[in-house]
Protein backbone atom coordinates (compact mmCIF):
# COMPACT_ATOMS: atom_id res chain seq x y z
CA MET A 1 19.63 10.10 -5.97
CA TYR A 2 18.16 11.86 -9.00
CA ASP A 3 17.85 8.56 -10.89
CA VAL A 4 15.68 7.02 -8.16
CA GLY A 5 13.20 9.90 -8.35
CA LYS A 6 13.16 9.81 -12.12
CA ARG A 7 12.44 6.07 -12.18
CA GLY A 8 9.65 6.46 -9.62
CA ASP A 9 7.83 8.83 -11.95
CA SER A 10 8.35 6.84 -15.13
CA GLY A 11 5.07 4.89 -15.05
CA LYS A 12 2.80 7.88 -14.55
CA HIS A 13 2.84 9.31 -18.05
CA ILE A 14 0.18 8.29 -20.53
CA THR A 15 1.46 8.14 -24.07
CA ARG A 16 -0.99 5.93 -25.92
CA PRO A 17 -4.45 7.06 -27.02
CA LEU A 18 -6.08 3.94 -25.54
CA GLN A 19 -4.55 4.66 -22.13
CA GLN A 20 -5.76 8.24 -22.29
CA TRP A 21 -9.26 7.15 -23.29
CA PHE A 22 -9.44 4.65 -20.43
CA ARG A 23 -8.17 7.22 -17.92
CA ASP A 24 -10.70 9.79 -19.09
CA LEU A 25 -13.48 7.21 -18.94
CA THR A 26 -12.72 5.97 -15.42
CA THR A 27 -11.65 9.18 -13.66
CA PRO A 28 -15.20 10.50 -13.07
CA LEU A 29 -16.21 7.14 -11.62
CA PHE A 30 -13.31 7.05 -9.17
CA LEU A 31 -13.85 10.67 -8.20
CA LYS A 32 -17.52 10.02 -7.51
CA LEU A 33 -16.71 6.96 -5.39
CA PHE A 34 -13.68 8.15 -3.45
CA ALA A 35 -13.37 11.93 -3.62
CA ASN A 36 -16.59 13.02 -2.00
CA PRO A 37 -17.50 13.76 1.62
CA LYS A 38 -19.72 10.70 2.00
CA ALA A 39 -16.94 8.32 0.99
CA SER A 40 -14.78 9.34 3.96
CA ASP A 41 -17.54 10.39 6.34
CA TRP A 42 -17.28 7.13 8.31
CA MET A 43 -13.68 7.95 9.16
CA TYR A 44 -13.97 11.64 9.99
CA SER A 45 -17.28 11.48 11.84
CA TYR A 46 -16.09 8.83 14.30
CA ARG A 47 -16.18 10.14 17.88
CA THR A 48 -14.75 8.71 21.05
CA ASP A 49 -15.84 9.29 24.62
């Protein structure tokens, strides 16, 4: 059971400088697009009769 969890986490660690640079470059863009109230407003403001 422990091995399954360990393998599931294996691809989430950044070890190369290029990967880190790309992550740091794109994170603000993704946060601006997807982690703001307007991005999910269509879903949470939906009302039914």
